[in-house]
Amino acid sequence: MKRHQVGFPARGQALILGLAFLFLSAVVMFYAFNSGQAVTEKIRLTNAADAAAYSAATLEARALNYDAYVNRTMVANEIAIAQVVSFVSWAHYSATLVENAGALDDVAGSWIFNPGDYTELAQLMAVITGTAYLNAYTGGEGTETFLNYVDTLLPSLITAHDTAVRALSASQTVLHASLLLGISQRSLADEIVKKIDPAMAAEVVLTSYDFDRFTKAYGKSGSTGDERGRFAEVTTASRDRFTRERVWTLSGPTIWPLQKDVALKRRGGTDLVGYDEWRAMDTLEHHGQRLGCGKFGLDWCGDVQQSISWGAAQVNALGADQGHGYHGGSYAENSRTSKKRADPAMVDLTASGGAVFSGLPTSRDLADLAADGSQRTGITIRVTKPRSVTRTSGGASIIQPGGDLAQFGADAPGSVLAALSRAEVFFDRPVARSDGRQELASLYNPYWQVRLVAPTAGDKAYAAAWQKGLALP
């Protein structure tokens, strides 16, 4: 029996499947190539943005730390000026004490002091009496020569320190002017990204830029008047022991009917009067009461106030008298000597000594000094690279899709690849304080550091606007 063939053998049907497979393979190849290259470009762009943002923030942190070092240096120079004024006052006090050595001997011989105070009294008398004899032997030239050197040479030290303070204050102004509107930060960021890839460009996102508002210059003619109070507070709190107070007391017992409330009071100190005058005063005054008043002379007479020694000095940027300070309690406890002896003998180093003193300087500090105020500032950098120079199939790569494959090419929104990065400058003391207290941010301690943080919503909106409204993660 014969077999009959039904239909015809299939010929050429695999070609259609093969072409479809080749087209899909090409699509996958281009997609994989574009994706890989785009990811590589994006990683390089992101790393460049991080490096640029961190570097720009480091520039700002260094500026804040520089402000802290400058403020501390200006405080140190102001303290040095106060020390010079203190030494001049002390020198005149010592010279007067030598001249009045006889008065001190009379007090020591006619009043009884506590046994424990006689050692110090004897030491004081030995030094003063010995110096007085030496001074008498030289015809008084020793003390006079000493005071001439003090009054002539020391004012130049005040001028030198004041000049240094003014230069340091000016350097803060120049530094912050160079960082205004993020111009220096952008220049640094752009330089960094171009070292990574010359085709990249960096810009500062000004919508979240706040470094210019983060600090403020506090000076004599501020928006709220004289704003040097904080600098004055830090300066006065930083005085050394000798400058702040030069105080001791030798006292005696109450012995009826011989004496009562016996005290030999040394009072002195150097204070900042207002913001434009350093004023020092040193006084030594004897106090005590004895019988001899009232009916039959059986009542204690008023306090005997005998001036033993005094000295005072000042530098004044304003010229006019600004009043006086505490001066270790000199006006309160040695009032007679302070008002009738020390004040008239005040040595004005600005006028007679030729010292140049400009008062407290303009200094830089945080704009918000509240304890709960902002203690950080940030800067956001946007880095871009034109699509035409990216190593993708739609960019500078030699692999370019054509025909139907062109629709699978990489086309970045806005024709550029972009990356955002934000860095934050914050205050953090690396080592805890020994007293356990928390230290608030300020421009008197150089503890400003940098870290990368997430861009703000405003940063993302700004970047999206340049990317044809594309939302960024």
Protein backbone atom coordinates (compact mmCIF):
# COMPACT_ATOMS: atom_id res chain seq x y z
CA MET A 1 0.00 0.00 0.00
CA LYS A 2 1.41 3.48 -0.84
CA ARG A 3 1.79 6.21 1.66
CA HIS A 4 0.80 9.70 0.58
CA GLN A 5 2.50 12.90 2.04
CA VAL A 6 0.16 15.46 3.44
CA GLY A 7 1.41 19.17 3.14
CA PHE A 8 4.99 20.33 2.48
CA PRO A 9 8.20 20.40 4.64
CA ALA A 10 8.61 23.72 6.78
CA ARG A 11 11.39 25.87 5.36
CA GLY A 12 12.75 29.28 6.70
CA GLN A 13 10.50 29.66 9.80
CA ALA A 14 13.48 29.71 12.26
CA LEU A 15 14.84 32.87 10.58
CA ILE A 16 12.08 35.03 12.03
CA LEU A 17 12.71 33.72 15.53
CA GLY A 18 16.42 34.18 15.06
CA LEU A 19 16.05 37.80 13.99
CA ALA A 20 13.78 38.51 16.93
CA PHE A 21 16.30 36.85 19.25
CA LEU A 22 19.16 38.89 17.78
CA PHE A 23 17.18 42.13 18.16
CA LEU A 24 16.33 41.33 21.78
CA SER A 25 19.96 40.40 22.43
CA ALA A 26 21.08 43.74 21.00
CA VAL A 27 18.53 45.55 23.17
CA VAL A 28 19.75 43.72 26.25
CA MET A 29 23.35 44.39 25.30
CA PHE A 30 22.76 48.12 24.82
CA TYR A 31 20.66 48.30 27.98
CA ALA A 32 23.29 46.48 30.02
CA PHE A 33 26.04 48.63 28.54
CA ASN A 34 24.17 51.87 29.14
CA SER A 35 23.13 50.85 32.62
CA GLY A 36 26.64 49.83 33.62
CA GLN A 37 28.22 52.95 32.19
CA ALA A 38 25.52 55.18 33.66
CA VAL A 39 25.98 53.61 37.09
CA THR A 40 29.73 54.06 36.84
CA GLU A 41 29.34 57.69 35.83
CA LYS A 42 26.82 58.27 38.61
CA ILE A 43 29.12 56.72 41.21
CA ARG A 44 32.01 58.89 40.08
CA LEU A 45 29.73 61.92 40.08
CA THR A 46 28.42 61.13 43.58
CA ASN A 47 31.90 60.56 44.96
CA ALA A 48 33.03 63.84 43.43
CA ALA A 49 30.05 65.65 44.97
CA ASP A 50 30.78 64.14 48.40
CA ALA A 51 34.43 65.14 48.18
CA ALA A 52 33.52 68.64 47.04
CA ALA A 53 30.88 69.18 49.74
CA TYR A 54 33.14 67.85 52.49
CA SER A 55 36.00 70.05 51.33
CA ALA A 56 33.82 73.15 51.08
CA ALA A 57 32.45 72.51 54.58
CA THR A 58 35.99 71.93 55.85
CA LEU A 59 36.88 75.38 54.53
CA GLU A 60 34.02 76.83 56.58
CA ALA A 61 34.95 74.79 59.67
CA ARG A 62 38.51 76.01 59.43
CA ALA A 63 37.22 79.58 59.21
CA LEU A 64 35.21 79.07 62.42
CA ASN A 65 38.18 77.46 64.15
CA TYR A 66 40.35 80.34 62.96
CA ASP A 67 37.83 82.74 64.50
CA ALA A 68 38.10 80.82 67.77
CA TYR A 69 41.88 80.97 67.80
CA VAL A 70 41.82 84.67 66.88
CA ASN A 71 39.30 85.47 69.61
CA ARG A 72 41.38 83.64 72.18
CA THR A 73 44.52 85.43 70.97
CA MET A 74 42.80 88.81 71.16
CA VAL A 75 41.66 87.99 74.70
CA ALA A 76 45.24 87.06 75.60
CA ASN A 77 46.52 90.37 74.22
CA GLU A 78 43.88 92.30 76.16
CA ILE A 79 44.93 90.46 79.32
CA ALA A 80 48.55 91.38 78.56
CA ILE A 81 47.51 95.05 78.36
CA ALA A 82 45.72 94.67 81.70
CA GLN A 83 48.86 93.10 83.18
CA VAL A 84 50.98 96.04 82.06
CA VAL A 85 48.53 98.49 83.65
CA SER A 86 48.52 96.33 86.79
CA PHE A 87 52.30 96.32 86.99
CA VAL A 88 52.48 100.12 86.63
CA SER A 89 49.95 100.55 89.44
CA TRP A 90 51.80 98.01 91.60
CA ALA A 91 55.14 99.71 90.89
CA HIS A 92 53.86 103.09 92.09
CA TYR A 93 52.23 101.43 95.08
CA SER A 94 55.54 99.78 95.99
CA ALA A 95 57.45 103.02 95.57
CA THR A 96 54.99 104.85 97.82
CA LEU A 97 55.22 102.05 100.39
CA VAL A 98 59.00 102.45 100.48
CA GLU A 99 58.63 106.20 100.95
CA ASN A 100 56.13 105.63 103.79
CA ALA A 101 58.08 102.86 105.48
CA GLY A 102 58.04 104.90 108.71
CA ALA A 103 54.23 104.93 108.78
CA LEU A 104 54.18 101.15 108.44
CA ASP A 105 56.69 100.87 111.31
CA ASP A 106 54.47 103.07 113.50
CA VAL A 107 51.44 100.87 112.81
CA ALA A 108 53.38 97.72 113.59
CA GLY A 109 54.74 99.20 116.79
CA SER A 110 51.56 100.80 118.15
CA TRP A 111 48.94 98.19 117.33
CA ILE A 112 48.78 94.52 118.28
CA PHE A 113 48.17 91.95 115.53
CA ASN A 114 47.25 88.30 115.68
CA PRO A 115 50.25 86.07 116.40
CA GLY A 116 49.77 84.19 113.15
CA ASP A 117 50.02 87.42 111.12
CA TYR A 118 53.29 88.64 112.61
CA THR A 119 55.35 86.44 110.30
CA GLU A 120 53.89 88.06 107.20
CA LEU A 121 54.09 91.51 108.81
CA ALA A 122 57.76 90.98 109.68
CA GLN A 123 58.56 89.83 106.14
CA LEU A 124 56.80 92.85 104.67
CA MET A 125 58.58 95.26 106.99
CA ALA A 126 61.96 93.66 106.33
CA VAL A 127 61.60 94.04 102.58
CA ILE A 128 60.19 97.56 102.72
CA THR A 129 62.61 98.82 105.37
CA GLY A 130 65.59 97.31 103.54
CA THR A 131 64.50 98.89 100.27
CA ALA A 132 63.93 102.21 102.03
CA TYR A 133 67.47 102.22 103.45
CA LEU A 134 68.90 101.34 100.03
CA ASN A 135 66.83 104.07 98.45
CA ALA A 136 68.02 106.61 101.06
CA TYR A 137 71.64 105.53 100.51
CA THR A 138 71.32 106.24 96.76
CA GLY A 139 69.65 109.56 97.39
CA GLY A 140 66.26 108.30 96.22
CA GLU A 141 67.53 107.59 92.72
CA GLY A 142 66.75 103.87 92.91
CA THR A 143 63.00 104.27 93.20
CA GLU A 144 62.90 107.20 90.82
CA THR A 145 64.89 105.35 88.17
CA PHE A 146 62.67 102.29 88.54
CA LEU A 147 59.50 104.33 88.06
CA ASN A 148 60.98 106.15 85.06
CA TYR A 149 61.67 102.85 83.35
CA VAL A 150 58.17 101.60 84.17
CA ASP A 151 56.39 104.73 82.96
CA THR A 152 58.54 105.11 79.85
CA LEU A 153 59.04 101.59 78.51
CA LEU A 154 55.88 99.71 79.46
CA PRO A 155 53.44 101.90 77.45
CA SER A 156 55.13 100.66 74.28
CA LEU A 157 54.06 97.14 75.21
CA ILE A 158 50.47 98.32 75.38
CA THR A 159 50.79 99.82 71.90
CA ALA A 160 52.28 96.58 70.54
CA HIS A 161 49.50 94.42 71.97
CA ASP A 162 46.82 96.84 70.82
CA THR A 163 48.26 96.80 67.29
CA ALA A 164 48.19 93.01 67.31
CA VAL A 165 44.56 93.01 68.44
CA ARG A 166 43.50 95.36 65.66
CA ALA A 167 45.32 93.27 63.05
CA LEU A 168 43.71 90.07 64.29
CA SER A 169 40.27 91.65 64.26
CA ALA A 170 40.82 92.85 60.69
CA SER A 171 41.89 89.35 59.64
CA GLN A 172 38.51 87.98 60.71
CA THR A 173 36.78 90.58 58.55
CA VAL A 174 38.92 89.74 55.53
CA LEU A 175 38.44 86.00 55.97
CA HIS A 176 34.66 86.17 56.11
CA ALA A 177 34.56 88.60 53.19
CA SER A 178 36.36 85.96 51.11
CA LEU A 179 33.71 83.38 52.01
CA LEU A 180 30.76 85.67 51.27
CA LEU A 181 28.02 84.06 49.13
CA GLY A 182 29.99 80.82 48.98
CA ILE A 183 32.31 82.12 46.27
CA SER A 184 35.48 80.59 47.73
CA GLN A 185 33.62 77.39 48.59
CA ARG A 186 32.39 77.03 45.01
CA SER A 187 35.86 77.68 43.62
CA LEU A 188 37.33 74.98 45.86
CA ALA A 189 34.55 72.50 45.06
CA ASP A 190 34.93 73.11 41.32
CA GLU A 191 38.69 72.64 41.52
CA ILE A 192 38.25 69.33 43.32
CA VAL A 193 35.70 67.84 40.91
CA LYS A 194 37.75 68.89 37.89
CA LYS A 195 40.72 66.99 39.28
CA ILE A 196 38.48 63.93 39.31
CA ASP A 197 37.01 64.64 35.86
CA PRO A 198 37.68 67.83 33.88
CA ALA A 199 34.19 67.61 32.38
CA MET A 200 32.52 68.00 35.79
CA ALA A 201 31.39 71.31 37.26
CA ALA A 202 30.32 72.20 40.80
CA GLU A 203 28.04 74.86 42.21
CA VAL A 204 26.83 75.87 45.67
CA VAL A 205 23.10 75.46 46.18
CA LEU A 206 22.28 78.89 47.59
CA THR A 207 18.73 77.97 48.64
CA SER A 208 20.15 76.23 51.71
CA TYR A 209 23.40 78.20 52.07
CA ASP A 210 23.49 79.94 55.46
CA PHE A 211 27.14 80.38 56.41
CA ASP A 212 26.99 84.15 55.89
CA ARG A 213 24.18 84.36 58.44
CA PHE A 214 25.72 81.85 60.86
CA THR A 215 28.22 84.30 62.37
CA LYS A 216 28.20 87.99 63.13
CA ALA A 217 30.71 90.74 63.84
CA TYR A 218 30.12 92.23 67.29
CA GLY A 219 31.56 95.72 67.48
CA LYS A 220 31.17 99.15 68.97
CA SER A 221 28.65 100.33 66.38
CA GLY A 222 26.48 97.27 65.98
CA SER A 223 22.86 97.08 64.92
CA THR A 224 21.80 97.09 68.58
CA GLY A 225 24.41 99.57 69.78
CA ASP A 226 27.69 98.64 71.41
CA GLU A 227 27.80 94.84 71.10
CA ARG A 228 31.16 94.09 72.73
CA GLY A 229 29.63 92.76 75.95
CA ARG A 230 30.35 89.08 75.32
CA PHE A 231 33.99 89.72 74.45
CA ALA A 232 34.30 91.88 77.56
CA GLU A 233 32.77 89.11 79.67
CA VAL A 234 35.17 86.49 78.35
CA THR A 235 38.14 88.84 78.77
CA THR A 236 37.42 89.82 82.37
CA ALA A 237 36.76 86.20 83.29
CA SER A 238 40.16 85.26 81.82
CA ARG A 239 42.24 87.60 84.01
CA ASP A 240 45.03 85.94 85.98
CA ARG A 241 45.07 86.07 89.78
CA PHE A 242 47.48 89.01 90.01
CA THR A 243 45.49 91.09 87.56
CA ARG A 244 42.09 90.29 89.03
CA GLU A 245 42.81 90.94 92.71
CA ARG A 246 45.83 91.85 94.83
CA VAL A 247 44.36 91.43 98.29
CA TRP A 248 45.47 90.44 101.79
CA THR A 249 44.55 91.42 105.35
CA LEU A 250 46.48 91.36 108.60
CA SER A 251 44.15 91.70 111.58
CA GLY A 252 44.44 92.11 115.33
CA PRO A 253 42.40 90.98 118.36
CA THR A 254 40.01 93.13 120.35
CA ILE A 255 41.78 94.07 123.59
CA TRP A 256 39.75 96.32 125.87
CA PRO A 257 40.62 99.13 126.41
CA LEU A 258 43.54 99.13 123.97
CA GLN A 259 42.12 98.38 120.56
CA LYS A 260 39.25 97.03 118.48
CA ASP A 261 38.71 95.99 114.82
CA VAL A 262 42.39 96.26 113.93
CA ALA A 263 43.19 95.49 110.30
CA LEU A 264 45.93 96.28 107.83
CA LYS A 265 44.15 95.98 104.48
CA ARG A 266 45.89 95.58 101.17
CA ARG A 267 43.30 96.04 98.41
CA GLY A 268 43.90 96.21 94.70
CA GLY A 269 42.90 94.89 91.32
CA THR A 270 42.57 95.72 87.65
CA ASP A 271 39.18 96.06 86.01
CA LEU A 272 37.77 96.74 82.58
CA VAL A 273 35.68 99.88 82.94
CA GLY A 274 33.11 99.89 80.17
CA TYR A 275 34.68 98.55 77.00
CA ASP A 276 37.39 101.15 76.45
CA GLU A 277 39.40 101.51 79.65
CA TRP A 278 41.67 99.29 81.72
CA ARG A 279 42.01 100.72 85.23
CA ALA A 280 44.20 99.46 88.08
CA MET A 281 44.44 100.53 91.70
CA ASP A 282 46.45 99.38 94.72
CA THR A 283 46.02 100.67 98.26
CA LEU A 284 47.25 99.78 101.75
CA GLU A 285 45.28 101.27 104.62
CA HIS A 286 45.30 100.72 108.36
CA HIS A 287 42.05 100.44 110.30
CA GLY A 288 41.34 100.29 114.02
CA GLN A 289 39.45 101.79 116.95
CA ARG A 290 40.57 102.95 120.39
CA LEU A 291 38.90 104.36 123.47
CA GLY A 292 38.76 108.10 123.87
CA CYS A 293 35.36 109.27 122.77
CA GLY A 294 32.14 110.11 124.56
CA LYS A 295 31.68 110.90 128.26
CA PHE A 296 34.88 110.31 130.22
CA GLY A 297 36.43 109.00 126.98
CA LEU A 298 35.04 105.48 127.51
CA ASP A 299 33.53 105.00 124.05
CA TRP A 300 35.25 103.54 121.02
CA CYS A 301 36.17 106.23 118.55
CA GLY A 302 35.39 105.89 114.88
CA ASP A 303 37.45 103.79 112.54
CA VAL A 304 40.97 105.10 112.12
CA GLN A 305 41.80 105.14 108.43
CA GLN A 306 45.50 105.72 107.92
CA SER A 307 46.83 105.70 104.36
CA ILE A 308 50.05 103.71 104.14
CA SER A 309 50.55 103.25 100.39
CA TRP A 310 48.78 103.70 97.06
CA GLY A 311 49.19 103.51 93.31
CA ALA A 312 46.91 103.65 90.27
CA ALA A 313 47.18 103.51 86.48
CA GLN A 314 44.93 103.42 83.44
CA VAL A 315 44.73 103.31 79.66
CA ASN A 316 41.66 104.96 78.23
CA ALA A 317 40.59 104.92 74.60
CA LEU A 318 37.94 107.60 75.15
CA GLY A 319 39.94 110.11 77.16
CA ALA A 320 37.11 111.10 79.48
CA ASP A 321 36.81 109.48 82.91
CA GLN A 322 34.72 106.30 82.70
CA GLY A 323 34.38 105.82 86.45
CA HIS A 324 36.01 103.04 88.41
CA GLY A 325 35.72 99.32 88.96
CA TYR A 326 35.80 97.05 91.99
CA HIS A 327 39.61 96.97 92.24
CA GLY A 328 39.66 94.21 94.85
CA GLY A 329 37.37 96.20 97.15
CA SER A 330 39.67 99.21 97.32
CA TYR A 331 36.92 101.83 97.11
CA ALA A 332 34.65 99.87 99.43
CA GLU A 333 37.17 99.07 102.19
CA ASN A 334 40.05 101.51 101.70
CA SER A 335 37.84 104.41 100.67
CA ARG A 336 39.97 107.17 102.17
CA THR A 337 43.17 106.10 100.45
CA SER A 338 41.40 105.29 97.18
CA LYS A 339 39.62 108.61 96.81
CA LYS A 340 42.09 111.03 98.41
CA ARG A 341 45.41 109.43 97.50
CA ALA A 342 45.19 106.94 94.63
CA ASP A 343 42.76 108.81 92.39
CA PRO A 344 44.81 112.04 92.35
CA ALA A 345 47.97 110.02 91.70
CA MET A 346 46.46 108.10 88.76
CA VAL A 347 49.02 107.47 86.00
CA ASP A 348 47.34 107.88 82.62
CA LEU A 349 49.50 105.78 80.31
CA THR A 350 47.51 106.88 77.27
CA ALA A 351 48.20 110.56 77.83
CA SER A 352 51.52 110.77 79.67
CA GLY A 353 53.08 107.51 78.52
CA GLY A 354 52.08 107.71 74.89
CA ALA A 355 50.41 104.30 74.91
CA VAL A 356 48.01 103.59 72.05
CA PHE A 357 44.86 101.80 73.17
CA SER A 358 41.78 101.37 70.98
CA GLY A 359 39.46 99.71 73.45
CA LEU A 360 38.01 96.26 73.00
CA PRO A 361 38.01 95.14 69.36
CA THR A 362 35.29 93.96 67.03
CA SER A 363 35.12 90.19 67.33
CA ARG A 364 33.36 87.38 65.50
CA ASP A 365 30.87 85.09 67.20
CA LEU A 366 27.76 83.07 66.42
CA ALA A 367 24.81 85.13 65.25
CA ASP A 368 22.50 83.14 67.54
CA LEU A 369 23.96 83.07 71.04
CA ALA A 370 20.92 81.50 72.69
CA ALA A 371 21.59 78.28 74.58
CA ASP A 372 19.02 76.47 72.43
CA GLY A 373 20.05 78.19 69.21
CA SER A 374 21.33 76.55 66.05
CA GLN A 375 24.80 75.15 66.49
CA ARG A 376 25.42 73.91 62.97
CA THR A 377 25.59 75.16 59.43
CA GLY A 378 25.67 73.28 56.15
CA ILE A 379 26.60 73.62 52.51
CA THR A 380 25.17 71.68 49.55
CA ILE A 381 27.13 71.12 46.36
CA ARG A 382 25.55 70.16 43.01
CA VAL A 383 27.95 68.48 40.60
CA THR A 384 27.04 68.07 36.93
CA LYS A 385 28.50 66.46 33.85
CA PRO A 386 27.17 66.94 30.29
CA ARG A 387 25.57 63.83 28.82
CA SER A 388 27.48 64.37 25.60
CA VAL A 389 30.80 63.51 27.30
CA THR A 390 29.59 60.54 29.36
CA ARG A 391 30.83 57.09 28.42
CA THR A 392 27.39 55.79 27.47
CA SER A 393 25.91 54.80 24.14
CA GLY A 394 24.18 58.13 23.90
CA GLY A 395 27.27 60.06 24.91
CA ALA A 396 30.97 59.94 24.04
CA SER A 397 31.12 56.15 23.66
CA ILE A 398 31.96 54.70 20.23
CA ILE A 399 29.00 52.36 20.69
CA GLN A 400 25.98 54.27 19.40
CA PRO A 401 22.52 52.73 18.88
CA GLY A 402 20.90 53.32 15.52
CA GLY A 403 17.64 52.54 13.86
CA ASP A 404 15.11 50.92 16.13
CA LEU A 405 17.76 50.60 18.85
CA ALA A 406 18.07 54.38 19.20
CA GLN A 407 15.08 54.40 21.50
CA PHE A 408 17.12 52.44 24.03
CA GLY A 409 19.89 55.06 24.23
CA ALA A 410 20.74 56.81 27.55
CA ASP A 411 19.34 60.33 27.64
CA ALA A 412 19.77 62.08 31.02
CA PRO A 413 17.10 64.62 31.97
CA GLY A 414 18.31 68.12 31.17
CA SER A 415 21.08 66.52 29.08
CA VAL A 416 23.34 66.37 32.16
CA LEU A 417 24.12 63.87 34.88
CA ALA A 418 23.88 65.48 38.31
CA ALA A 419 24.61 64.59 41.93
CA LEU A 420 23.85 66.37 45.19
CA SER A 421 25.85 66.21 48.40
CA ARG A 422 25.58 68.16 51.63
CA ALA A 423 28.09 68.53 54.44
CA GLU A 424 27.45 69.98 57.87
CA VAL A 425 29.72 71.97 60.15
CA PHE A 426 28.97 71.27 63.80
CA PHE A 427 30.45 71.90 67.24
CA ASP A 428 31.63 68.91 69.23
CA ARG A 429 34.16 68.95 72.03
CA PRO A 430 36.34 65.83 71.51
CA VAL A 431 37.02 65.36 75.23
CA ALA A 432 34.46 65.86 77.97
CA ARG A 433 34.99 68.74 80.38
CA SER A 434 36.53 67.82 83.70
CA ASP A 435 33.72 69.56 85.58
CA GLY A 436 31.09 67.47 83.80
CA ARG A 437 29.32 70.49 82.33
CA GLN A 438 28.19 70.68 78.73
CA GLU A 439 29.99 73.18 76.55
CA LEU A 440 27.82 75.12 74.14
CA ALA A 441 28.94 76.08 70.67
CA SER A 442 30.87 79.33 70.42
CA LEU A 443 33.68 80.97 68.54
CA TYR A 444 35.99 80.89 71.53
CA ASN A 445 36.80 77.17 71.29
CA PRO A 446 38.10 75.52 68.09
CA TYR A 447 35.95 72.39 68.16
CA TRP A 448 34.19 72.78 64.81
CA GLN A 449 34.07 69.60 62.75
CA VAL A 450 32.54 68.33 59.48
CA ARG A 451 30.31 65.43 58.51
CA LEU A 452 28.24 64.45 55.45
CA VAL A 453 24.46 64.64 55.86
CA ALA A 454 21.43 64.19 53.62
CA PRO A 455 20.51 67.09 51.32
CA THR A 456 17.51 69.11 52.40
CA ALA A 457 14.12 69.01 50.69
CA GLY A 458 14.87 72.44 49.26
CA ASP A 459 18.15 71.15 47.80
CA LYS A 460 16.33 68.30 46.07
CA ALA A 461 13.66 70.61 44.71
CA TYR A 462 16.33 72.93 43.33
CA ALA A 463 18.15 70.07 41.64
CA ALA A 464 14.91 68.60 40.29
CA ALA A 465 14.05 71.92 38.66
CA TRP A 466 17.24 71.65 36.62
CA GLN A 467 16.47 68.03 35.73
CA LYS A 468 13.13 68.83 34.07
CA GLY A 469 11.26 68.33 37.33
CA LEU A 470 12.57 64.81 37.85
CA ALA A 471 12.20 63.86 41.50
CA LEU A 472 15.48 62.85 43.08
CA PRO A 473 15.80 60.16 45.77
